[in-house]
């Protein structure tokens, strides 16, 4: 199955058993490997401090709003409902990654076999700026409900609880992507192209891309 937009080769596959099968190059001969965790599990572990910072920021926003409004602004029973909706939107999270790739890239979206982890897989060189956009675009699924929560009236407790729950998933779920972005910003030049190949991340100096 493919979806037509700027990228006409977005495919949905469920389940996905082997990441390498969908990130198989071709890799430019002078590509330079960027040192990153070799498995999803290791990446999650390394990126955990980022998830903690995002969680603390969310609860700080709720605390500040409660203090400012001098009352409880959330119906707690709605937070799990928001979490559930946010979880259902994880496939949209991966689609937001995918739409940043250009027309001739092949992107596969799906769930890893035996896990609740969704992925968008491609092996295509992106400019560093476009790689950062691709990695961070799913934050809109957290920033939008967080903004609505902040702007919601104190008496809208059900609405606020729902938005806070959705923001929780939408803001925290990209934490491995944030880790990749920070790694790329540290280790790649502004003019480099960035791409995944097999289980690794590579930078390709612009003059060597071809």
C-alpha atoms as a PDB file:
ATOM      1  CA  UNK A   1       0.000   0.000   0.000  1.00  0.00           C
ATOM      2  CA  UNK A   2       1.332   3.440  -0.914  1.00  0.00           C
ATOM      3  CA  UNK A   3       0.112   6.945  -0.149  1.00  0.00           C
ATOM      4  CA  UNK A   4       0.444   9.775  -2.656  1.00  0.00           C
ATOM      5  CA  UNK A   5       1.782  13.161  -1.548  1.00  0.00           C
ATOM      6  CA  UNK A   6       5.258  14.680  -1.943  1.00  0.00           C
ATOM      7  CA  UNK A   7       6.564  11.212  -1.169  1.00  0.00           C
ATOM      8  CA  UNK A   8       4.639   8.716  -3.314  1.00  0.00           C
ATOM      9  CA  UNK A   9       6.244   5.627  -1.783  1.00  0.00           C
ATOM     10  CA  UNK A  10       4.984   5.437   1.794  1.00  0.00           C
ATOM     11  CA  UNK A  11       4.160   1.824   2.504  1.00  0.00           C
ATOM     12  CA  UNK A  12       2.447   0.295   5.532  1.00  0.00           C
ATOM     13  CA  UNK A  13       3.718  -3.062   6.780  1.00  0.00           C
ATOM     14  CA  UNK A  14       2.555  -4.912   9.897  1.00  0.00           C
ATOM     15  CA  UNK A  15       4.360  -6.438  11.592  1.00  0.00           C
ATOM     16  CA  UNK A  16       7.924  -5.453  10.768  1.00  0.00           C
ATOM     17  CA  UNK A  17      10.414  -8.139  11.712  1.00  0.00           C
ATOM     18  CA  UNK A  18      13.756  -6.797  10.528  1.00  0.00           C
ATOM     19  CA  UNK A  19      14.652  -3.105  10.394  1.00  0.00           C
ATOM     20  CA  UNK A  20      17.644  -3.771   8.145  1.00  0.00           C
ATOM     21  CA  UNK A  21      15.372  -5.116   5.415  1.00  0.00           C
ATOM     22  CA  UNK A  22      13.829  -1.658   4.984  1.00  0.00           C
ATOM     23  CA  UNK A  23      16.995   0.376   5.508  1.00  0.00           C
ATOM     24  CA  UNK A  24      19.329  -1.223   3.004  1.00  0.00           C
ATOM     25  CA  UNK A  25      20.938   1.712   1.190  1.00  0.00           C
ATOM     26  CA  UNK A  26      22.469   2.208  -1.309  1.00  0.00           C
ATOM     27  CA  UNK A  27      25.127   3.742   0.904  1.00  0.00           C
ATOM     28  CA  UNK A  28      27.601   6.182  -0.699  1.00  0.00           C
ATOM     29  CA  UNK A  29      31.077   4.658  -0.547  1.00  0.00           C
ATOM     30  CA  UNK A  30      32.531   7.544   1.457  1.00  0.00           C
ATOM     31  CA  UNK A  31      29.721   7.701   4.010  1.00  0.00           C
ATOM     32  CA  UNK A  32      30.920   8.021   7.596  1.00  0.00           C
ATOM     33  CA  UNK A  33      29.184   6.112  10.367  1.00  0.00           C
ATOM     34  CA  UNK A  34      27.902   8.193  13.275  1.00  0.00           C
ATOM     35  CA  UNK A  35      28.338   6.429  16.607  1.00  0.00           C
ATOM     36  CA  UNK A  36      24.822   5.662  17.903  1.00  0.00           C
ATOM     37  CA  UNK A  37      23.195   2.833  19.897  1.00  0.00           C
ATOM     38  CA  UNK A  38      22.998  -0.322  17.789  1.00  0.00           C
ATOM     39  CA  UNK A  39      19.522  -1.459  18.892  1.00  0.00           C
ATOM     40  CA  UNK A  40      16.186   0.223  19.610  1.00  0.00           C
ATOM     41  CA  UNK A  41      16.388  -0.985  23.208  1.00  0.00           C
ATOM     42  CA  UNK A  42      19.818   0.556  23.700  1.00  0.00           C
ATOM     43  CA  UNK A  43      18.670   3.788  22.043  1.00  0.00           C
ATOM     44  CA  UNK A  44      15.693   3.992  24.404  1.00  0.00           C
ATOM     45  CA  UNK A  45      17.987   3.471  27.380  1.00  0.00           C
ATOM     46  CA  UNK A  46      20.468   6.122  26.271  1.00  0.00           C
ATOM     47  CA  UNK A  47      17.660   8.587  25.539  1.00  0.00           C
ATOM     48  CA  UNK A  48      15.852   8.054  28.869  1.00  0.00           C
ATOM     49  CA  UNK A  49      17.164  11.334  30.423  1.00  0.00           C
ATOM     50  CA  UNK A  50      15.475  13.210  27.561  1.00  0.00           C
ATOM     51  CA  UNK A  51      12.176  11.468  28.337  1.00  0.00           C
ATOM     52  CA  UNK A  52      12.551  12.408  32.011  1.00  0.00           C
ATOM     53  CA  UNK A  53      13.153  16.075  31.129  1.00  0.00           C
ATOM     54  CA  UNK A  54      10.072  16.119  28.878  1.00  0.00           C
ATOM     55  CA  UNK A  55       7.915  14.501  31.584  1.00  0.00           C
ATOM     56  CA  UNK A  56       9.104  16.954  34.231  1.00  0.00           C
ATOM     57  CA  UNK A  57       8.362  19.847  31.866  1.00  0.00           C
ATOM     58  CA  UNK A  58       4.809  18.608  31.330  1.00  0.00           C
ATOM     59  CA  UNK A  59       4.053  18.238  35.028  1.00  0.00           C
ATOM     60  CA  UNK A  60       5.663  21.611  35.681  1.00  0.00           C
ATOM     61  CA  UNK A  61       3.218  23.135  33.168  1.00  0.00           C
ATOM     62  CA  UNK A  62       0.298  21.516  34.992  1.00  0.00           C
ATOM     63  CA  UNK A  63       1.596  22.650  38.399  1.00  0.00           C
ATOM     64  CA  UNK A  64       2.115  26.231  37.234  1.00  0.00           C
ATOM     65  CA  UNK A  65      -1.387  26.349  35.757  1.00  0.00           C
ATOM     66  CA  UNK A  66      -2.943  24.957  38.942  1.00  0.00           C
ATOM     67  CA  UNK A  67      -1.063  27.499  41.061  1.00  0.00           C
ATOM     68  CA  UNK A  68      -1.906  30.374  38.698  1.00  0.00           C
ATOM     69  CA  UNK A  69      -5.601  29.450  38.618  1.00  0.00           C
ATOM     70  CA  UNK A  70      -5.649  28.590  42.342  1.00  0.00           C
ATOM     71  CA  UNK A  71      -7.627  25.441  41.681  1.00  0.00           C
ATOM     72  CA  UNK A  72      -7.353  21.976  40.158  1.00  0.00           C
ATOM     73  CA  UNK A  73      -7.757  22.477  36.425  1.00  0.00           C
ATOM     74  CA  UNK A  74      -7.753  18.803  35.369  1.00  0.00           C
ATOM     75  CA  UNK A  75     -10.222  15.943  35.739  1.00  0.00           C
ATOM     76  CA  UNK A  76      -7.690  13.179  36.572  1.00  0.00           C
ATOM     77  CA  UNK A  77      -9.844  10.373  35.143  1.00  0.00           C
ATOM     78  CA  UNK A  78      -9.518  11.966  31.678  1.00  0.00           C
ATOM     79  CA  UNK A  79      -5.719  11.727  31.616  1.00  0.00           C
ATOM     80  CA  UNK A  80      -5.708   7.961  30.805  1.00  0.00           C
ATOM     81  CA  UNK A  81      -8.256   8.638  28.060  1.00  0.00           C
ATOM     82  CA  UNK A  82      -5.873  11.202  26.617  1.00  0.00           C
ATOM     83  CA  UNK A  83      -3.028   8.690  26.898  1.00  0.00           C
ATOM     84  CA  UNK A  84      -5.077   6.158  24.925  1.00  0.00           C
ATOM     85  CA  UNK A  85      -5.869   8.651  22.168  1.00  0.00           C
ATOM     86  CA  UNK A  86      -2.224   9.670  22.071  1.00  0.00           C
ATOM     87  CA  UNK A  87      -1.194   6.028  21.754  1.00  0.00           C
ATOM     88  CA  UNK A  88      -3.590   5.566  18.838  1.00  0.00           C
ATOM     89  CA  UNK A  89      -1.935   8.556  17.168  1.00  0.00           C
ATOM     90  CA  UNK A  90       1.502   6.934  17.222  1.00  0.00           C
ATOM     91  CA  UNK A  91       0.911   5.743  13.661  1.00  0.00           C
ATOM     92  CA  UNK A  92       0.356   9.412  12.756  1.00  0.00           C
ATOM     93  CA  UNK A  93       3.628  10.167  14.548  1.00  0.00           C
ATOM     94  CA  UNK A  94       5.417   7.830  12.128  1.00  0.00           C
ATOM     95  CA  UNK A  95       3.536   9.249   9.139  1.00  0.00           C
ATOM     96  CA  UNK A  96       4.772  12.713  10.094  1.00  0.00           C
ATOM     97  CA  UNK A  97       8.308  11.364   9.924  1.00  0.00           C
ATOM     98  CA  UNK A  98       7.591   9.845   6.522  1.00  0.00           C
ATOM     99  CA  UNK A  99       6.099  12.869   4.761  1.00  0.00           C
ATOM    100  CA  UNK A 100       9.332  14.837   5.119  1.00  0.00           C
ATOM    101  CA  UNK A 101      11.143  12.451   2.769  1.00  0.00           C
ATOM    102  CA  UNK A 102      11.156  13.473  -0.909  1.00  0.00           C
ATOM    103  CA  UNK A 103       9.200  11.844  -3.715  1.00  0.00           C
ATOM    104  CA  UNK A 104      11.731   9.205  -4.694  1.00  0.00           C
ATOM    105  CA  UNK A 105      12.348   7.878  -1.177  1.00  0.00           C
ATOM    106  CA  UNK A 106      10.774   4.609  -0.055  1.00  0.00           C
ATOM    107  CA  UNK A 107       9.458   4.779   3.494  1.00  0.00           C
ATOM    108  CA  UNK A 108       7.922   1.843   5.358  1.00  0.00           C
ATOM    109  CA  UNK A 109       5.684   2.433   8.380  1.00  0.00           C
ATOM    110  CA  UNK A 110       4.666  -0.323  10.766  1.00  0.00           C
ATOM    111  CA  UNK A 111       4.816  -1.948  14.193  1.00  0.00           C
ATOM    112  CA  UNK A 112       7.740  -4.065  15.285  1.00  0.00           C
ATOM    113  CA  UNK A 113       6.776  -7.715  15.768  1.00  0.00           C
ATOM    114  CA  UNK A 114       6.110  -8.550  19.399  1.00  0.00           C
ATOM    115  CA  UNK A 115       6.418  -4.915  20.527  1.00  0.00           C
ATOM    116  CA  UNK A 116       4.268  -1.818  20.853  1.00  0.00           C
ATOM    117  CA  UNK A 117       6.977   0.151  19.048  1.00  0.00           C
ATOM    118  CA  UNK A 118       5.993   1.816  15.773  1.00  0.00           C
ATOM    119  CA  UNK A 119       8.652   2.815  13.263  1.00  0.00           C
ATOM    120  CA  UNK A 120       9.100   4.702   9.994  1.00  0.00           C
ATOM    121  CA  UNK A 121      12.005   3.168   8.079  1.00  0.00           C
ATOM    122  CA  UNK A 122      13.900   4.611   5.140  1.00  0.00           C
ATOM    123  CA  UNK A 123      17.427   4.641   3.797  1.00  0.00           C
ATOM    124  CA  UNK A 124      17.721   7.933   1.971  1.00  0.00           C
ATOM    125  CA  UNK A 125      20.158  10.868   2.369  1.00  0.00           C
ATOM    126  CA  UNK A 126      18.558  14.024   3.768  1.00  0.00           C
ATOM    127  CA  UNK A 127      20.215  17.364   4.328  1.00  0.00           C
ATOM    128  CA  UNK A 128      21.013  17.890   7.991  1.00  0.00           C
ATOM    129  CA  UNK A 129      18.274  20.517   8.266  1.00  0.00           C
ATOM    130  CA  UNK A 130      15.713  18.218   6.668  1.00  0.00           C
ATOM    131  CA  UNK A 131      16.806  15.347   8.903  1.00  0.00           C
ATOM    132  CA  UNK A 132      16.163  17.504  11.964  1.00  0.00           C
ATOM    133  CA  UNK A 133      12.724  18.446  10.596  1.00  0.00           C
ATOM    134  CA  UNK A 134      11.925  14.807   9.840  1.00  0.00           C
ATOM    135  CA  UNK A 135      12.935  13.765  13.356  1.00  0.00           C
ATOM    136  CA  UNK A 136      11.111  16.507  15.271  1.00  0.00           C
ATOM    137  CA  UNK A 137       7.937  17.069  13.217  1.00  0.00           C
ATOM    138  CA  UNK A 138       5.936  14.545  15.338  1.00  0.00           C
ATOM    139  CA  UNK A 139       6.281  16.957  18.275  1.00  0.00           C
ATOM    140  CA  UNK A 140       3.223  18.745  16.850  1.00  0.00           C
ATOM    141  CA  UNK A 141       1.157  15.872  18.306  1.00  0.00           C
ATOM    142  CA  UNK A 142       2.316  16.996  21.749  1.00  0.00           C
ATOM    143  CA  UNK A 143       2.693  20.742  21.303  1.00  0.00           C
ATOM    144  CA  UNK A 144      -0.836  21.223  19.947  1.00  0.00           C
ATOM    145  CA  UNK A 145      -2.671  19.537  22.856  1.00  0.00           C
ATOM    146  CA  UNK A 146      -0.219  21.114  25.330  1.00  0.00           C
ATOM    147  CA  UNK A 147      -1.057  24.544  23.924  1.00  0.00           C
ATOM    148  CA  UNK A 148      -4.788  23.796  24.157  1.00  0.00           C
ATOM    149  CA  UNK A 149      -4.318  22.614  27.744  1.00  0.00           C
ATOM    150  CA  UNK A 150      -2.480  25.820  28.679  1.00  0.00           C
ATOM    151  CA  UNK A 151      -5.138  27.977  27.018  1.00  0.00           C
ATOM    152  CA  UNK A 152      -8.111  25.996  28.334  1.00  0.00           C
ATOM    153  CA  UNK A 153     -10.261  27.659  30.981  1.00  0.00           C
ATOM    154  CA  UNK A 154      -9.850  26.293  34.529  1.00  0.00           C
ATOM    155  CA  UNK A 155     -13.435  25.065  34.599  1.00  0.00           C
ATOM    156  CA  UNK A 156     -12.852  22.946  31.460  1.00  0.00           C
ATOM    157  CA  UNK A 157     -11.462  20.138  33.619  1.00  0.00           C
ATOM    158  CA  UNK A 158     -12.511  17.276  31.340  1.00  0.00           C
ATOM    159  CA  UNK A 159     -11.096  19.005  28.265  1.00  0.00           C
ATOM    160  CA  UNK A 160      -7.903  19.942  30.103  1.00  0.00           C
ATOM    161  CA  UNK A 161      -7.392  16.406  31.365  1.00  0.00           C
ATOM    162  CA  UNK A 162      -7.884  14.994  27.873  1.00  0.00           C
ATOM    163  CA  UNK A 163      -5.439  17.458  26.331  1.00  0.00           C
ATOM    164  CA  UNK A 164      -2.873  16.873  29.070  1.00  0.00           C
ATOM    165  CA  UNK A 165      -2.994  13.118  28.515  1.00  0.00           C
ATOM    166  CA  UNK A 166      -2.595  13.518  24.749  1.00  0.00           C
ATOM    167  CA  UNK A 167       0.269  15.953  25.297  1.00  0.00           C
ATOM    168  CA  UNK A 168       1.952  13.410  27.560  1.00  0.00           C
ATOM    169  CA  UNK A 169       2.208  10.829  24.778  1.00  0.00           C
ATOM    170  CA  UNK A 170       2.802  13.359  22.000  1.00  0.00           C
ATOM    171  CA  UNK A 171       5.601  15.191  23.818  1.00  0.00           C
ATOM    172  CA  UNK A 172       7.428  12.206  25.289  1.00  0.00           C
ATOM    173  CA  UNK A 173       7.186   9.647  22.462  1.00  0.00           C
ATOM    174  CA  UNK A 174       9.734  11.475  20.216  1.00  0.00           C
ATOM    175  CA  UNK A 175      12.474  11.263  22.871  1.00  0.00           C
ATOM    176  CA  UNK A 176      14.611   8.785  20.833  1.00  0.00           C
ATOM    177  CA  UNK A 177      14.313  11.147  17.857  1.00  0.00           C
ATOM    178  CA  UNK A 178      15.568  14.012  20.010  1.00  0.00           C
ATOM    179  CA  UNK A 179      18.565  11.863  20.951  1.00  0.00           C
ATOM    180  CA  UNK A 180      19.337  11.271  17.262  1.00  0.00           C
ATOM    181  CA  UNK A 181      19.027  14.967  16.475  1.00  0.00           C
ATOM    182  CA  UNK A 182      21.380  15.959  19.289  1.00  0.00           C
ATOM    183  CA  UNK A 183      23.853  13.342  18.101  1.00  0.00           C
ATOM    184  CA  UNK A 184      23.709  14.592  14.512  1.00  0.00           C
ATOM    185  CA  UNK A 185      24.076  18.232  15.551  1.00  0.00           C
ATOM    186  CA  UNK A 186      27.197  17.315  17.522  1.00  0.00           C
ATOM    187  CA  UNK A 187      28.830  14.986  15.022  1.00  0.00           C
ATOM    188  CA  UNK A 188      27.777  16.129  11.550  1.00  0.00           C
ATOM    189  CA  UNK A 189      28.638  19.253   9.590  1.00  0.00           C
ATOM    190  CA  UNK A 190      25.919  21.644   8.508  1.00  0.00           C
ATOM    191  CA  UNK A 191      26.444  20.711   4.847  1.00  0.00           C
ATOM    192  CA  UNK A 192      26.382  16.933   5.446  1.00  0.00           C
ATOM    193  CA  UNK A 193      23.642  14.621   4.298  1.00  0.00           C
ATOM    194  CA  UNK A 194      22.282  12.235   6.942  1.00  0.00           C
ATOM    195  CA  UNK A 195      20.855   8.779   6.311  1.00  0.00           C
ATOM    196  CA  UNK A 196      20.011   5.512   7.994  1.00  0.00           C
ATOM    197  CA  UNK A 197      21.449   2.290   6.606  1.00  0.00           C
ATOM    198  CA  UNK A 198      20.834  -1.101   8.199  1.00  0.00           C
ATOM    199  CA  UNK A 199      20.874  -0.404  11.964  1.00  0.00           C
ATOM    200  CA  UNK A 200      23.261   2.544  11.723  1.00  0.00           C
ATOM    201  CA  UNK A 201      23.218   6.278  11.088  1.00  0.00           C
ATOM    202  CA  UNK A 202      25.626   7.840   8.600  1.00  0.00           C
ATOM    203  CA  UNK A 203      26.718  11.277   7.514  1.00  0.00           C
ATOM    204  CA  UNK A 204      27.687  11.918   3.907  1.00  0.00           C
ATOM    205  CA  UNK A 205      29.778  15.035   3.184  1.00  0.00           C
ATOM    206  CA  UNK A 206      27.958  16.971   0.460  1.00  0.00           C
ATOM    207  CA  UNK A 207      30.750  16.726  -2.082  1.00  0.00           C
ATOM    208  CA  UNK A 208      30.798  12.945  -1.639  1.00  0.00           C
ATOM    209  CA  UNK A 209      27.055  12.303  -1.827  1.00  0.00           C
ATOM    210  CA  UNK A 210      27.159  11.234  -5.434  1.00  0.00           C
END
